[in-house]
Amino acid sequence: MRAATCFRHTHTDSAIYIGVDAGAGPRDSMMLAIKRTTGISIRAARAIIEVTVVTLGWFLGGPAGFGTLAYAIMVGPSVQWGFKIFKVQPHKLIDEAVIAGVEGGAE
């Protein structure tokens, strides 16, 4: 029961604060950067991050059991599902007028 609640909050929380441009945490920012640069899915990017963190923690002597690994693998699909439910676009297209204003300055 506790694990189901954790997954529900993970995908809804990430989708909500990223969707309203409230800022993303370090793992969320890395997830979005991996998606943008490589084109892989949100779920794969987040799973790669979480499995890497679990592996590094284990190498450093931290505990890692089945639940830890299951969470690391399942959090990616959970976050992507939250993005789909709330119709969050991970990277919004920037308007050309905004780009011209930034690059060219006001004339």
Protein backbone atom coordinates (compact mmCIF):
# COMPACT_ATOMS: atom_id res chain seq x y z
CA MET A 1 0.00 0.00 0.00
CA ARG A 2 2.78 2.40 0.89
CA ALA A 3 4.59 1.70 -2.40
CA ALA A 4 1.44 2.41 -4.44
CA THR A 5 1.01 5.75 -2.68
CA CYS A 6 4.65 6.60 -3.31
CA PHE A 7 4.34 5.91 -7.05
CA ARG A 8 1.12 7.91 -7.29
CA HIS A 9 2.73 10.93 -5.66
CA THR A 10 5.92 10.64 -7.68
CA HIS A 11 4.25 10.90 -11.06
CA THR A 12 1.64 13.47 -10.07
CA ASP A 13 4.12 15.68 -8.21
CA SER A 14 6.67 15.69 -11.04
CA ALA A 15 4.03 16.34 -13.69
CA ILE A 16 2.43 19.15 -11.71
CA TYR A 17 5.48 21.18 -10.79
CA ILE A 18 7.18 20.69 -14.15
CA GLY A 19 3.90 21.37 -15.99
CA VAL A 20 3.34 24.73 -14.27
CA ASP A 21 7.00 25.77 -14.68
CA ALA A 22 7.56 25.78 -10.92
CA GLY A 23 11.05 24.40 -11.43
CA ALA A 24 12.41 20.91 -11.53
CA GLY A 25 14.68 19.22 -9.02
CA PRO A 26 18.10 17.87 -9.97
CA ARG A 27 16.90 14.42 -11.06
CA ASP A 28 13.95 15.88 -12.95
CA SER A 29 16.21 18.40 -14.70
CA MET A 30 18.61 15.64 -15.67
CA MET A 31 15.69 13.52 -16.90
CA LEU A 32 14.47 16.39 -19.10
CA ALA A 33 18.00 17.08 -20.38
CA ILE A 34 18.53 13.43 -21.32
CA LYS A 35 15.17 13.41 -23.12
CA ARG A 36 16.00 16.61 -25.00
CA THR A 37 19.54 15.64 -26.02
CA THR A 38 19.06 11.95 -26.84
CA GLY A 39 15.38 11.76 -27.76
CA ILE A 40 14.73 8.74 -25.55
CA SER A 41 11.50 8.57 -23.58
CA ILE A 42 10.93 10.17 -20.19
CA ARG A 43 10.47 6.72 -18.64
CA ALA A 44 13.79 5.43 -19.95
CA ALA A 45 15.67 8.59 -18.98
CA ARG A 46 14.31 8.52 -15.42
CA ALA A 47 14.91 4.78 -15.05
CA ILE A 48 18.53 5.20 -16.18
CA ILE A 49 19.07 7.94 -13.60
CA GLU A 50 17.46 6.02 -10.74
CA VAL A 51 19.22 2.72 -11.49
CA THR A 52 22.54 4.58 -11.72
CA VAL A 53 21.95 6.25 -8.35
CA VAL A 54 20.98 2.93 -6.72
CA THR A 55 24.06 1.23 -8.17
CA LEU A 56 26.41 3.99 -7.00
CA GLY A 57 24.83 3.94 -3.54
CA TRP A 58 25.25 0.18 -3.35
CA PHE A 59 28.91 0.41 -4.42
CA LEU A 60 29.44 2.95 -1.65
CA GLY A 61 28.08 0.49 0.90
CA GLY A 62 24.44 1.52 1.11
CA PRO A 63 21.59 -0.97 1.39
CA ALA A 64 19.83 -1.98 -1.82
CA GLY A 65 17.15 -4.62 -1.82
CA PHE A 66 14.41 -5.75 -4.17
CA GLY A 67 12.14 -2.83 -3.23
CA THR A 68 14.84 -0.27 -3.94
CA LEU A 69 15.57 -1.75 -7.35
CA ALA A 70 11.86 -2.14 -8.16
CA TYR A 71 11.26 1.53 -7.32
CA ALA A 72 14.24 2.62 -9.43
CA ILE A 73 12.93 0.71 -12.44
CA MET A 74 9.24 1.60 -12.04
CA VAL A 75 9.51 5.31 -11.25
CA GLY A 76 10.29 6.20 -14.90
CA PRO A 77 7.08 4.75 -16.35
CA SER A 78 5.18 6.29 -13.43
CA VAL A 79 6.51 9.78 -14.18
CA GLN A 80 5.81 9.41 -17.90
CA TRP A 81 2.26 8.30 -17.09
CA GLY A 82 1.81 11.43 -14.95
CA PHE A 83 3.01 13.59 -17.85
CA LYS A 84 0.46 11.92 -20.10
CA ILE A 85 -2.43 12.28 -17.62
CA PHE A 86 -1.78 15.99 -17.05
CA LYS A 87 -0.78 16.62 -20.69
CA VAL A 88 2.59 18.04 -19.70
CA GLN A 89 4.99 18.86 -22.52
CA PRO A 90 8.54 18.26 -21.28
CA HIS A 91 9.95 20.91 -23.61
CA LYS A 92 7.80 23.71 -24.90
CA LEU A 93 8.65 25.24 -28.24
CA ILE A 94 10.02 28.77 -27.93
CA ASP A 95 8.27 31.41 -30.00
CA GLU A 96 10.48 32.87 -32.77
CA ALA A 97 9.63 36.40 -31.64
CA VAL A 98 11.02 35.63 -28.21
CA ILE A 99 14.22 34.26 -29.72
CA ALA A 100 14.60 37.34 -31.94
CA GLY A 101 14.09 39.58 -28.92
CA VAL A 102 16.74 37.77 -26.94
CA GLU A 103 19.33 37.56 -29.72
CA GLY A 104 18.71 40.83 -31.53
CA GLY A 105 17.65 43.05 -28.66
CA ALA A 106 15.00 45.75 -28.81
CA GLU A 107 15.54 48.12 -31.73
